Amino acid sequence: MSLPPCPNCQSEYVYQDQNHLICPECAYEWNPTELAEEEALSIKDANGTLLAEGDKVTVAKDLKVTGSSLVIKIGTKAVVRRIVDGKDHQLDCKVDGAGEMMITAKYVKKA
């Protein structure tokens, strides 16, 4: 039987204890049936289109990278790796030419 990876740390070393799954690396415990019932985050791009993990997006405006002189130009492609419920940045993306970074959803468009 194949168990899903840990939702907290993405570890594959998960084991089952009665109704719960437990991650030995981060000690996170969860019930897979309750996790499936939870509502998925509804994050929308600049055009109001719902975004999901794995979506390909393009940057809708020039973005200055905090703490760097790097500027991500309009039209730069990125892949959404993870969606988080963040106050400022909702998308954990891999941006072409810039690497991995967090981006606010209102500054991207679904490709």
PDB file of N, CA and C in Angstrom:
ATOM      1  N   MET A   1       0.849  -1.185   0.000  1.00  0.00           N
ATOM      2  CA  MET A   1       0.000   0.000   0.000  1.00  0.00           C
ATOM      3  C   MET A   1       0.890   1.241   0.000  1.00  0.00           C
ATOM      4  N   SER A   2       0.589   2.158  -0.890  1.00  0.00           N
ATOM      5  CA  SER A   2       1.371   3.381  -1.009  1.00  0.00           C
ATOM      6  C   SER A   2       0.712   4.491  -0.197  1.00  0.00           C
ATOM      7  N   LEU A   3       1.484   5.101   0.672  1.00  0.00           N
ATOM      8  CA  LEU A   3       0.966   6.184   1.509  1.00  0.00           C
ATOM      9  C   LEU A   3       1.383   7.527   0.916  1.00  0.00           C
ATOM     10  N   PRO A   4       0.555   8.559   1.073  1.00  0.00           N
ATOM     11  CA  PRO A   4       0.902   9.879   0.530  1.00  0.00           C
ATOM     12  C   PRO A   4       2.061  10.495   1.316  1.00  0.00           C
ATOM     13  N   PRO A   5       2.808  11.417   0.706  1.00  0.00           N
ATOM     14  CA  PRO A   5       3.893  12.079   1.444  1.00  0.00           C
ATOM     15  C   PRO A   5       3.335  12.998   2.522  1.00  0.00           C
ATOM     16  N   CYS A   6       4.189  13.351   3.452  1.00  0.00           N
ATOM     17  CA  CYS A   6       3.799  14.233   4.549  1.00  0.00           C
ATOM     18  C   CYS A   6       3.402  15.606   4.000  1.00  0.00           C
ATOM     19  N   PRO A   7       2.227  16.138   4.360  1.00  0.00           N
ATOM     20  CA  PRO A   7       1.826  17.452   3.863  1.00  0.00           C
ATOM     21  C   PRO A   7       2.633  18.592   4.485  1.00  0.00           C
ATOM     22  N   ASN A   8       3.329  18.304   5.573  1.00  0.00           N
ATOM     23  CA  ASN A   8       4.103  19.333   6.262  1.00  0.00           C
ATOM     24  C   ASN A   8       5.512  19.478   5.679  1.00  0.00           C
ATOM     25  N   CYS A   9       6.213  18.346   5.469  1.00  0.00           N
ATOM     26  CA  CYS A   9       7.601  18.404   5.013  1.00  0.00           C
ATOM     27  C   CYS A   9       7.848  17.618   3.725  1.00  0.00           C
ATOM     28  N   GLN A  10       6.832  17.001   3.147  1.00  0.00           N
ATOM     29  CA  GLN A  10       6.907  16.220   1.908  1.00  0.00           C
ATOM     30  C   GLN A  10       7.787  14.972   2.026  1.00  0.00           C
ATOM     31  N   SER A  11       7.998  14.488   3.234  1.00  0.00           N
ATOM     32  CA  SER A  11       8.791  13.279   3.442  1.00  0.00           C
ATOM     33  C   SER A  11       8.011  12.064   2.949  1.00  0.00           C
ATOM     34  N   GLU A  12       8.720  11.103   2.391  1.00  0.00           N
ATOM     35  CA  GLU A  12       8.070   9.892   1.898  1.00  0.00           C
ATOM     36  C   GLU A  12       8.050   8.778   2.935  1.00  0.00           C
ATOM     37  N   TYR A  13       8.681   8.993   4.086  1.00  0.00           N
ATOM     38  CA  TYR A  13       8.776   7.960   5.132  1.00  0.00           C
ATOM     39  C   TYR A  13       7.615   8.072   6.119  1.00  0.00           C
ATOM     40  N   VAL A  14       6.421   7.905   5.639  1.00  0.00           N
ATOM     41  CA  VAL A  14       5.205   8.032   6.441  1.00  0.00           C
ATOM     42  C   VAL A  14       4.724   6.640   6.836  1.00  0.00           C
ATOM     43  N   TYR A  15       4.222   6.536   8.048  1.00  0.00           N
ATOM     44  CA  TYR A  15       3.651   5.261   8.463  1.00  0.00           C
ATOM     45  C   TYR A  15       2.271   5.497   9.074  1.00  0.00           C
ATOM     46  N   GLN A  16       1.490   4.421   9.115  1.00  0.00           N
ATOM     47  CA  GLN A  16       0.107   4.509   9.584  1.00  0.00           C
ATOM     48  C   GLN A  16      -0.010   3.976  11.001  1.00  0.00           C
ATOM     49  N   ASP A  17      -0.800   4.674  11.819  1.00  0.00           N
ATOM     50  CA  ASP A  17      -1.105   4.248  13.170  1.00  0.00           C
ATOM     51  C   ASP A  17      -2.611   4.406  13.342  1.00  0.00           C
ATOM     52  N   GLN A  18      -3.339   3.315  13.239  1.00  0.00           N
ATOM     53  CA  GLN A  18      -4.798   3.280  13.257  1.00  0.00           C
ATOM     54  C   GLN A  18      -5.336   4.181  12.147  1.00  0.00           C
ATOM     55  N   ASN A  19      -6.066   5.262  12.484  1.00  0.00           N
ATOM     56  CA  ASN A  19      -6.653   6.126  11.461  1.00  0.00           C
ATOM     57  C   ASN A  19      -5.731   7.264  11.038  1.00  0.00           C
ATOM     58  N   HIS A  20      -4.635   7.442  11.730  1.00  0.00           N
ATOM     59  CA  HIS A  20      -3.759   8.573  11.457  1.00  0.00           C
ATOM     60  C   HIS A  20      -2.498   8.141  10.709  1.00  0.00           C
ATOM     61  N   LEU A  21      -1.933   9.092   9.969  1.00  0.00           N
ATOM     62  CA  LEU A  21      -0.636   8.907   9.344  1.00  0.00           C
ATOM     63  C   LEU A  21       0.355   9.769  10.105  1.00  0.00           C
ATOM     64  N   ILE A  22       1.594   9.271  10.266  1.00  0.00           N
ATOM     65  CA  ILE A  22       2.599   9.962  11.065  1.00  0.00           C
ATOM     66  C   ILE A  22       3.887  10.067  10.254  1.00  0.00           C
ATOM     67  N   CYS A  23       4.495  11.243  10.310  1.00  0.00           N
ATOM     68  CA  CYS A  23       5.780  11.469   9.660  1.00  0.00           C
ATOM     69  C   CYS A  23       6.875  11.381  10.721  1.00  0.00           C
ATOM     70  N   PRO A  24       7.827  10.466  10.582  1.00  0.00           N
ATOM     71  CA  PRO A  24       8.889  10.341  11.589  1.00  0.00           C
ATOM     72  C   PRO A  24       9.923  11.465  11.524  1.00  0.00           C
ATOM     73  N   GLU A  25       9.988  12.187  10.420  1.00  0.00           N
ATOM     74  CA  GLU A  25      10.990  13.240  10.281  1.00  0.00           C
ATOM     75  C   GLU A  25      10.586  14.542  10.965  1.00  0.00           C
ATOM     76  N   CYS A  26       9.300  14.931  10.841  1.00  0.00           N
ATOM     77  CA  CYS A  26       8.875  16.196  11.451  1.00  0.00           C
ATOM     78  C   CYS A  26       7.832  15.989  12.553  1.00  0.00           C
ATOM     79  N   ALA A  27       7.445  14.740  12.812  1.00  0.00           N
ATOM     80  CA  ALA A  27       6.485  14.369  13.856  1.00  0.00           C
ATOM     81  C   ALA A  27       5.089  14.920  13.601  1.00  0.00           C
ATOM     82  N   TYR A  28       4.753  15.174  12.349  1.00  0.00           N
ATOM     83  CA  TYR A  28       3.420  15.666  12.001  1.00  0.00           C
ATOM     84  C   TYR A  28       2.458  14.486  11.911  1.00  0.00           C
ATOM     85  N   GLU A  29       1.277  14.630  12.514  1.00  0.00           N
ATOM     86  CA  GLU A  29       0.242  13.600  12.477  1.00  0.00           C
ATOM     87  C   GLU A  29      -1.002  14.165  11.822  1.00  0.00           C
ATOM     88  N   TRP A  30      -1.655  13.373  10.969  1.00  0.00           N
ATOM     89  CA  TRP A  30      -2.872  13.829  10.325  1.00  0.00           C
ATOM     90  C   TRP A  30      -3.742  12.650   9.949  1.00  0.00           C
ATOM     91  N   ASN A  31      -5.017  12.952   9.805  1.00  0.00           N
ATOM     92  CA  ASN A  31      -5.986  11.958   9.367  1.00  0.00           C
ATOM     93  C   ASN A  31      -6.230  12.222   7.882  1.00  0.00           C
ATOM     94  N   PRO A  32      -5.903  11.285   7.003  1.00  0.00           N
ATOM     95  CA  PRO A  32      -6.027  11.546   5.570  1.00  0.00           C
ATOM     96  C   PRO A  32      -7.453  11.833   5.112  1.00  0.00           C
ATOM     97  N   THR A  33      -8.454  11.289   5.796  1.00  0.00           N
ATOM     98  CA  THR A  33      -9.836  11.576   5.392  1.00  0.00           C
ATOM     99  C   THR A  33     -10.222  13.007   5.747  1.00  0.00           C
ATOM    100  N   GLU A  34      -9.732  13.512   6.883  1.00  0.00           N
ATOM    101  CA  GLU A  34     -10.017  14.901   7.262  1.00  0.00           C
ATOM    102  C   GLU A  34      -9.266  15.867   6.368  1.00  0.00           C
ATOM    103  N   LEU A  35      -8.053  15.518   5.988  1.00  0.00           N
ATOM    104  CA  LEU A  35      -7.257  16.378   5.127  1.00  0.00           C
ATOM    105  C   LEU A  35      -7.913  16.516   3.760  1.00  0.00           C
ATOM    106  N   ALA A  36      -8.508  15.447   3.254  1.00  0.00           N
ATOM    107  CA  ALA A  36      -9.175  15.492   1.960  1.00  0.00           C
ATOM    108  C   ALA A  36     -10.434  16.351   2.011  1.00  0.00           C
ATOM    109  N   GLU A  37     -11.072  16.420   3.174  1.00  0.00           N
ATOM    110  CA  GLU A  37     -12.298  17.201   3.309  1.00  0.00           C
ATOM    111  C   GLU A  37     -12.045  18.698   3.439  1.00  0.00           C
ATOM    112  N   GLU A  38     -10.818  19.055   3.844  1.00  0.00           N
ATOM    113  CA  GLU A  38     -10.519  20.470   4.009  1.00  0.00           C
ATOM    114  C   GLU A  38     -10.618  21.176   2.668  1.00  0.00           C
ATOM    115  N   GLU A  39     -11.032  22.414   2.718  1.00  0.00           N
ATOM    116  CA  GLU A  39     -11.193  23.192   1.511  1.00  0.00           C
ATOM    117  C   GLU A  39      -9.837  23.593   0.952  1.00  0.00           C
ATOM    118  N   ALA A  40      -9.677  23.472  -0.332  1.00  0.00           N
ATOM    119  CA  ALA A  40      -8.446  23.902  -0.977  1.00  0.00           C
ATOM    120  C   ALA A  40      -8.430  25.432  -1.052  1.00  0.00           C
ATOM    121  N   LEU A  41      -7.237  25.996  -1.017  1.00  0.00           N
ATOM    122  CA  LEU A  41      -7.110  27.441  -1.106  1.00  0.00           C
ATOM    123  C   LEU A  41      -7.542  27.907  -2.485  1.00  0.00           C
ATOM    124  N   SER A  42      -8.295  28.969  -2.544  1.00  0.00           N
ATOM    125  CA  SER A  42      -8.721  29.508  -3.830  1.00  0.00           C
ATOM    126  C   SER A  42      -7.938  30.791  -4.093  1.00  0.00           C
ATOM    127  N   ILE A  43      -6.801  30.637  -4.723  1.00  0.00           N
ATOM    128  CA  ILE A  43      -5.927  31.751  -5.058  1.00  0.00           C
ATOM    129  C   ILE A  43      -6.139  32.074  -6.533  1.00  0.00           C
ATOM    130  N   LYS A  44      -6.337  33.366  -6.830  1.00  0.00           N
ATOM    131  CA  LYS A  44      -6.614  33.797  -8.201  1.00  0.00           C
ATOM    132  C   LYS A  44      -5.490  34.674  -8.719  1.00  0.00           C
ATOM    133  N   ASP A  45      -5.276  34.593 -10.034  1.00  0.00           N
ATOM    134  CA  ASP A  45      -4.248  35.408 -10.662  1.00  0.00           C
ATOM    135  C   ASP A  45      -4.770  36.806 -10.974  1.00  0.00           C
ATOM    136  N   ALA A  46      -4.016  37.577 -11.746  1.00  0.00           N
ATOM    137  CA  ALA A  46      -4.390  38.958 -12.065  1.00  0.00           C
ATOM    138  C   ALA A  46      -5.693  39.041 -12.849  1.00  0.00           C
ATOM    139  N   ASN A  47      -6.030  37.995 -13.602  1.00  0.00           N
ATOM    140  CA  ASN A  47      -7.268  37.991 -14.391  1.00  0.00           C
ATOM    141  C   ASN A  47      -8.441  37.338 -13.671  1.00  0.00           C
ATOM    142  N   GLY A  48      -8.227  36.839 -12.467  1.00  0.00           N
ATOM    143  CA  GLY A  48      -9.298  36.185 -11.719  1.00  0.00           C
ATOM    144  C   GLY A  48      -9.405  34.700 -11.971  1.00  0.00           C
ATOM    145  N   THR A  49      -8.435  34.109 -12.651  1.00  0.00           N
ATOM    146  CA  THR A  49      -8.429  32.675 -12.912  1.00  0.00           C
ATOM    147  C   THR A  49      -7.864  31.942 -11.706  1.00  0.00           C
ATOM    148  N   LEU A  50      -8.523  30.844 -11.305  1.00  0.00           N
ATOM    149  CA  LEU A  50      -8.030  30.058 -10.174  1.00  0.00           C
ATOM    150  C   LEU A  50      -6.705  29.392 -10.527  1.00  0.00           C
ATOM    151  N   LEU A  51      -5.768  29.423  -9.590  1.00  0.00           N
ATOM    152  CA  LEU A  51      -4.463  28.804  -9.778  1.00  0.00           C
ATOM    153  C   LEU A  51      -4.373  27.526  -8.968  1.00  0.00           C
ATOM    154  N   ALA A  52      -3.619  26.562  -9.480  1.00  0.00           N
ATOM    155  CA  ALA A  52      -3.394  25.299  -8.786  1.00  0.00           C
ATOM    156  C   ALA A  52      -1.903  24.979  -8.839  1.00  0.00           C
ATOM    157  N   GLU A  53      -1.480  24.062  -7.987  1.00  0.00           N
ATOM    158  CA  GLU A  53      -0.086  23.645  -7.976  1.00  0.00           C
ATOM    159  C   GLU A  53       0.246  22.992  -9.314  1.00  0.00           C
ATOM    160  N   GLY A  54       1.402  23.345  -9.866  1.00  0.00           N
ATOM    161  CA  GLY A  54       1.825  22.806 -11.144  1.00  0.00           C
ATOM    162  C   GLY A  54       1.461  23.680 -12.328  1.00  0.00           C
ATOM    163  N   ASP A  55       0.673  24.716 -12.123  1.00  0.00           N
ATOM    164  CA  ASP A  55       0.297  25.615 -13.213  1.00  0.00           C
ATOM    165  C   ASP A  55       1.503  26.403 -13.697  1.00  0.00           C
ATOM    166  N   LYS A  56       1.516  26.694 -14.988  1.00  0.00           N
ATOM    167  CA  LYS A  56       2.538  27.554 -15.561  1.00  0.00           C
ATOM    168  C   LYS A  56       1.956  28.958 -15.643  1.00  0.00           C
ATOM    169  N   VAL A  57       2.718  29.935 -15.167  1.00  0.00           N
ATOM    170  CA  VAL A  57       2.259  31.321 -15.141  1.00  0.00           C
ATOM    171  C   VAL A  57       3.321  32.222 -15.759  1.00  0.00           C
ATOM    172  N   THR A  58       2.905  33.437 -16.122  1.00  0.00           N
ATOM    173  CA  THR A  58       3.831  34.465 -16.573  1.00  0.00           C
ATOM    174  C   THR A  58       3.669  35.677 -15.683  1.00  0.00           C
ATOM    175  N   VAL A  59       4.745  36.406 -15.487  1.00  0.00           N
ATOM    176  CA  VAL A  59       4.721  37.590 -14.630  1.00  0.00           C
ATOM    177  C   VAL A  59       4.008  38.708 -15.378  1.00  0.00           C
ATOM    178  N   ALA A  60       3.070  39.384 -14.710  1.00  0.00           N
ATOM    179  CA  ALA A  60       2.229  40.397 -15.335  1.00  0.00           C
ATOM    180  C   ALA A  60       2.820  41.802 -15.255  1.00  0.00           C
ATOM    181  N   LYS A  61       3.827  42.014 -14.419  1.00  0.00           N
ATOM    182  CA  LYS A  61       4.481  43.316 -14.335  1.00  0.00           C
ATOM    183  C   LYS A  61       5.898  43.119 -13.824  1.00  0.00           C
ATOM    184  N   ASP A  62       6.757  44.115 -14.039  1.00  0.00           N
ATOM    185  CA  ASP A  62       8.127  44.021 -13.557  1.00  0.00           C
ATOM    186  C   ASP A  62       8.124  43.966 -12.032  1.00  0.00           C
ATOM    187  N   LEU A  63       8.881  43.023 -11.471  1.00  0.00           N
ATOM    188  CA  LEU A  63       8.935  42.849 -10.023  1.00  0.00           C
ATOM    189  C   LEU A  63      10.370  42.996  -9.529  1.00  0.00           C
ATOM    190  N   LYS A  64      10.577  43.853  -8.538  1.00  0.00           N
ATOM    191  CA  LYS A  64      11.881  43.979  -7.908  1.00  0.00           C
ATOM    192  C   LYS A  64      11.989  42.903  -6.833  1.00  0.00           C
ATOM    193  N   VAL A  65      13.123  42.225  -6.796  1.00  0.00           N
ATOM    194  CA  VAL A  65      13.351  41.180  -5.803  1.00  0.00           C
ATOM    195  C   VAL A  65      13.918  41.841  -4.555  1.00  0.00           C
ATOM    196  N   THR A  66      13.263  41.647  -3.426  1.00  0.00           N
ATOM    197  CA  THR A  66      13.687  42.251  -2.171  1.00  0.00           C
ATOM    198  C   THR A  66      15.069  41.750  -1.772  1.00  0.00           C
ATOM    199  N   GLY A  67      15.941  42.688  -1.384  1.00  0.00           N
ATOM    200  CA  GLY A  67      17.275  42.335  -0.938  1.00  0.00           C
ATOM    201  C   GLY A  67      18.242  42.039  -2.062  1.00  0.00           C
ATOM    202  N   SER A  68      17.871  42.402  -3.287  1.00  0.00           N
ATOM    203  CA  SER A  68      18.718  42.129  -4.435  1.00  0.00           C
ATOM    204  C   SER A  68      18.507  43.221  -5.475  1.00  0.00           C
ATOM    205  N   SER A  69      19.421  43.319  -6.414  1.00  0.00           N
ATOM    206  CA  SER A  69      19.252  44.278  -7.499  1.00  0.00           C
ATOM    207  C   SER A  69      18.535  43.629  -8.692  1.00  0.00           C
ATOM    208  N   LEU A  70      18.140  42.385  -8.553  1.00  0.00           N
ATOM    209  CA  LEU A  70      17.475  41.636  -9.603  1.00  0.00           C
ATOM    210  C   LEU A  70      16.061  42.150  -9.834  1.00  0.00           C
ATOM    211  N   VAL A  71      15.672  42.253 -11.104  1.00  0.00           N
ATOM    212  CA  VAL A  71      14.311  42.618 -11.476  1.00  0.00           C
ATOM    213  C   VAL A  71      13.771  41.513 -12.373  1.00  0.00           C
ATOM    214  N   ILE A  72      12.605  40.988 -12.021  1.00  0.00           N
ATOM    215  CA  ILE A  72      11.953  39.978 -12.850  1.00  0.00           C
ATOM    216  C   ILE A  72      11.082  40.738 -13.843  1.00  0.00           C
ATOM    217  N   LYS A  73      11.398  40.585 -15.125  1.00  0.00           N
ATOM    218  CA  LYS A  73      10.734  41.341 -16.184  1.00  0.00           C
ATOM    219  C   LYS A  73       9.355  40.768 -16.501  1.00  0.00           C
ATOM    220  N   ILE A  74       8.501  41.629 -17.040  1.00  0.00           N
ATOM    221  CA  ILE A  74       7.169  41.219 -17.462  1.00  0.00           C
ATOM    222  C   ILE A  74       7.294  40.115 -18.520  1.00  0.00           C
ATOM    223  N   GLY A  75       6.458  39.113 -18.439  1.00  0.00           N
ATOM    224  CA  GLY A  75       6.477  38.007 -19.384  1.00  0.00           C
ATOM    225  C   GLY A  75       7.367  36.851 -18.985  1.00  0.00           C
ATOM    226  N   THR A  76       8.104  36.974 -17.886  1.00  0.00           N
ATOM    227  CA  THR A  76       8.955  35.882 -17.426  1.00  0.00           C
ATOM    228  C   THR A  76       8.089  34.699 -17.010  1.00  0.00           C
ATOM    229  N   LYS A  77       8.479  33.513 -17.420  1.00  0.00           N
ATOM    230  CA  LYS A  77       7.698  32.312 -17.118  1.00  0.00           C
ATOM    231  C   LYS A  77       8.084  31.739 -15.766  1.00  0.00           C
ATOM    232  N   ALA A  78       7.107  31.105 -15.108  1.00  0.00           N
ATOM    233  CA  ALA A  78       7.324  30.462 -13.814  1.00  0.00           C
ATOM    234  C   ALA A  78       6.382  29.280 -13.684  1.00  0.00           C
ATOM    235  N   VAL A  79       6.737  28.360 -12.789  1.00  0.00           N
ATOM    236  CA  VAL A  79       5.896  27.203 -12.491  1.00  0.00           C
ATOM    237  C   VAL A  79       5.532  27.264 -11.014  1.00  0.00           C
ATOM    238  N   VAL A  80       4.245  27.147 -10.712  1.00  0.00           N
ATOM    239  CA  VAL A  80       3.777  27.169  -9.328  1.00  0.00           C
ATOM    240  C   VAL A  80       4.070  25.816  -8.711  1.00  0.00           C
ATOM    241  N   ARG A  81       4.954  25.804  -7.713  1.00  0.00           N
ATOM    242  CA  ARG A  81       5.309  24.546  -7.050  1.00  0.00           C
ATOM    243  C   ARG A  81       4.372  24.245  -5.892  1.00  0.00           C
ATOM    244  N   ARG A  82       3.924  25.319  -5.222  1.00  0.00           N
ATOM    245  CA  ARG A  82       3.107  25.131  -4.022  1.00  0.00           C
ATOM    246  C   ARG A  82       2.297  26.395  -3.798  1.00  0.00           C
ATOM    247  N   ILE A  83       1.091  26.245  -3.280  1.00  0.00           N
ATOM    248  CA  ILE A  83       0.252  27.386  -2.917  1.00  0.00           C
ATOM    249  C   ILE A  83       0.135  27.403  -1.403  1.00  0.00           C
ATOM    250  N   VAL A  84       0.433  28.547  -0.804  1.00  0.00           N
ATOM    251  CA  VAL A  84       0.381  28.679   0.644  1.00  0.00           C
ATOM    252  C   VAL A  84      -0.586  29.793   1.013  1.00  0.00           C
ATOM    253  N   ASP A  85      -1.082  29.734   2.229  1.00  0.00           N
ATOM    254  CA  ASP A  85      -1.995  30.755   2.720  1.00  0.00           C
ATOM    255  C   ASP A  85      -1.167  31.835   3.402  1.00  0.00           C
ATOM    256  N   GLY A  86      -0.467  32.608   2.612  1.00  0.00           N
ATOM    257  CA  GLY A  86       0.410  33.646   3.146  1.00  0.00           C
ATOM    258  C   GLY A  86      -0.259  34.997   3.145  1.00  0.00           C
ATOM    259  N   LYS A  87       0.220  35.865   4.007  1.00  0.00           N
ATOM    260  CA  LYS A  87      -0.329  37.214   4.092  1.00  0.00           C
ATOM    261  C   LYS A  87       0.061  38.036   2.867  1.00  0.00           C
ATOM    262  N   ASP A  88       1.338  37.930   2.461  1.00  0.00           N
ATOM    263  CA  ASP A  88       1.821  38.718   1.342  1.00  0.00           C
ATOM    264  C   ASP A  88       2.014  37.892   0.074  1.00  0.00           C
ATOM    265  N   HIS A  89       2.671  36.768   0.187  1.00  0.00           N
ATOM    266  CA  HIS A  89       3.016  35.961  -0.975  1.00  0.00           C
ATOM    267  C   HIS A  89       2.315  34.612  -0.885  1.00  0.00           C
ATOM    268  N   GLN A  90       1.553  34.277  -1.932  1.00  0.00           N
ATOM    269  CA  GLN A  90       0.786  33.038  -1.901  1.00  0.00           C
ATOM    270  C   GLN A  90       1.401  31.921  -2.735  1.00  0.00           C
ATOM    271  N   LEU A  91       2.287  32.244  -3.670  1.00  0.00           N
ATOM    272  CA  LEU A  91       2.791  31.248  -4.603  1.00  0.00           C
ATOM    273  C   LEU A  91       4.277  30.981  -4.397  1.00  0.00           C
ATOM    274  N   ASP A  92       4.627  29.721  -4.211  1.00  0.00           N
ATOM    275  CA  ASP A  92       6.019  29.307  -4.164  1.00  0.00           C
ATOM    276  C   ASP A  92       6.332  28.835  -5.577  1.00  0.00           C
ATOM    277  N   CYS A  93       7.136  29.616  -6.310  1.00  0.00           N
ATOM    278  CA  CYS A  93       7.356  29.367  -7.735  1.00  0.00           C
ATOM    279  C   CYS A  93       8.812  29.117  -8.054  1.00  0.00           C
ATOM    280  N   LYS A  94       9.021  28.457  -9.177  1.00  0.00           N
ATOM    281  CA  LYS A  94      10.349  28.352  -9.762  1.00  0.00           C
ATOM    282  C   LYS A  94      10.322  29.262 -10.979  1.00  0.00           C
ATOM    283  N   VAL A  95      11.060  30.376 -10.893  1.00  0.00           N
ATOM    284  CA  VAL A  95      11.051  31.407 -11.920  1.00  0.00           C
ATOM    285  C   VAL A  95      12.241  31.196 -12.853  1.00  0.00           C
ATOM    286  N   ASP A  96      11.998  31.257 -14.165  1.00  0.00           N
ATOM    287  CA  ASP A  96      13.074  31.119 -15.147  1.00  0.00           C
ATOM    288  C   ASP A  96      14.099  32.229 -14.960  1.00  0.00           C
ATOM    289  N   GLY A  97      15.351  31.860 -14.809  1.00  0.00           N
ATOM    290  CA  GLY A  97      16.431  32.825 -14.691  1.00  0.00           C
ATOM    291  C   GLY A  97      16.621  33.412 -13.308  1.00  0.00           C
ATOM    292  N   ALA A  98      15.730  33.115 -12.367  1.00  0.00           N
ATOM    293  CA  ALA A  98      15.834  33.694 -11.020  1.00  0.00           C
ATOM    294  C   ALA A  98      15.819  32.635  -9.925  1.00  0.00           C
ATOM    295  N   GLY A  99      15.399  31.430 -10.214  1.00  0.00           N
ATOM    296  CA  GLY A  99      15.359  30.374  -9.205  1.00  0.00           C
ATOM    297  C   GLY A  99      14.019  30.312  -8.501  1.00  0.00           C
ATOM    298  N   GLU A 100      14.046  29.775  -7.282  1.00  0.00           N
ATOM    299  CA  GLU A 100      12.817  29.609  -6.511  1.00  0.00           C
ATOM    300  C   GLU A 100      12.560  30.828  -5.643  1.00  0.00           C
ATOM    301  N   MET A 101      11.313  31.282  -5.624  1.00  0.00           N
ATOM    302  CA  MET A 101      10.943  32.417  -4.781  1.00  0.00           C
ATOM    303  C   MET A 101       9.431  32.463  -4.592  1.00  0.00           C
ATOM    304  N   MET A 102       9.023  33.242  -3.615  1.00  0.00           N
ATOM    305  CA  MET A 102       7.607  33.441  -3.327  1.00  0.00           C
ATOM    306  C   MET A 102       7.123  34.668  -4.105  1.00  0.00           C
ATOM    307  N   ILE A 103       5.939  34.554  -4.711  1.00  0.00           N
ATOM    308  CA  ILE A 103       5.374  35.634  -5.514  1.00  0.00           C
ATOM    309  C   ILE A 103       3.924  35.838  -5.098  1.00  0.00           C
ATOM    310  N   THR A 104       3.481  37.089  -5.122  1.00  0.00           N
ATOM    311  CA  THR A 104       2.082  37.406  -4.852  1.00  0.00           C
ATOM    312  C   THR A 104       1.260  37.043  -6.096  1.00  0.00           C
ATOM    313  N   ALA A 105       0.125  36.402  -5.890  1.00  0.00           N
ATOM    314  CA  ALA A 105      -0.690  35.887  -6.990  1.00  0.00           C
ATOM    315  C   ALA A 105      -1.221  36.986  -7.912  1.00  0.00           C
ATOM    316  N   LYS A 106      -1.441  38.170  -7.402  1.00  0.00           N
ATOM    317  CA  LYS A 106      -2.022  39.226  -8.238  1.00  0.00           C
ATOM    318  C   LYS A 106      -1.039  39.781  -9.264  1.00  0.00           C
ATOM    319  N   TYR A 107       0.231  39.348  -9.223  1.00  0.00           N
ATOM    320  CA  TYR A 107       1.226  39.811 -10.181  1.00  0.00           C
ATOM    321  C   TYR A 107       1.550  38.787 -11.260  1.00  0.00           C
ATOM    322  N   VAL A 108       0.770  37.716 -11.360  1.00  0.00           N
ATOM    323  CA  VAL A 108       1.003  36.709 -12.381  1.00  0.00           C
ATOM    324  C   VAL A 108      -0.281  36.427 -13.140  1.00  0.00           C
ATOM    325  N   LYS A 109      -0.122  35.863 -14.365  1.00  0.00           N
ATOM    326  CA  LYS A 109      -1.250  35.426 -15.167  1.00  0.00           C
ATOM    327  C   LYS A 109      -1.016  33.971 -15.538  1.00  0.00           C
ATOM    328  N   LYS A 110      -2.087  33.194 -15.560  1.00  0.00           N
ATOM    329  CA  LYS A 110      -1.968  31.786 -15.945  1.00  0.00           C
ATOM    330  C   LYS A 110      -1.611  31.716 -17.428  1.00  0.00           C
ATOM    331  N   ALA A 111      -0.612  30.885 -17.749  1.00  0.00           N
ATOM    332  CA  ALA A 111      -0.164  30.776 -19.153  1.00  0.00           C
ATOM    333  C   ALA A 111      -1.023  29.796 -19.918  1.00  0.00           C
TER     334      ALA A 111
END
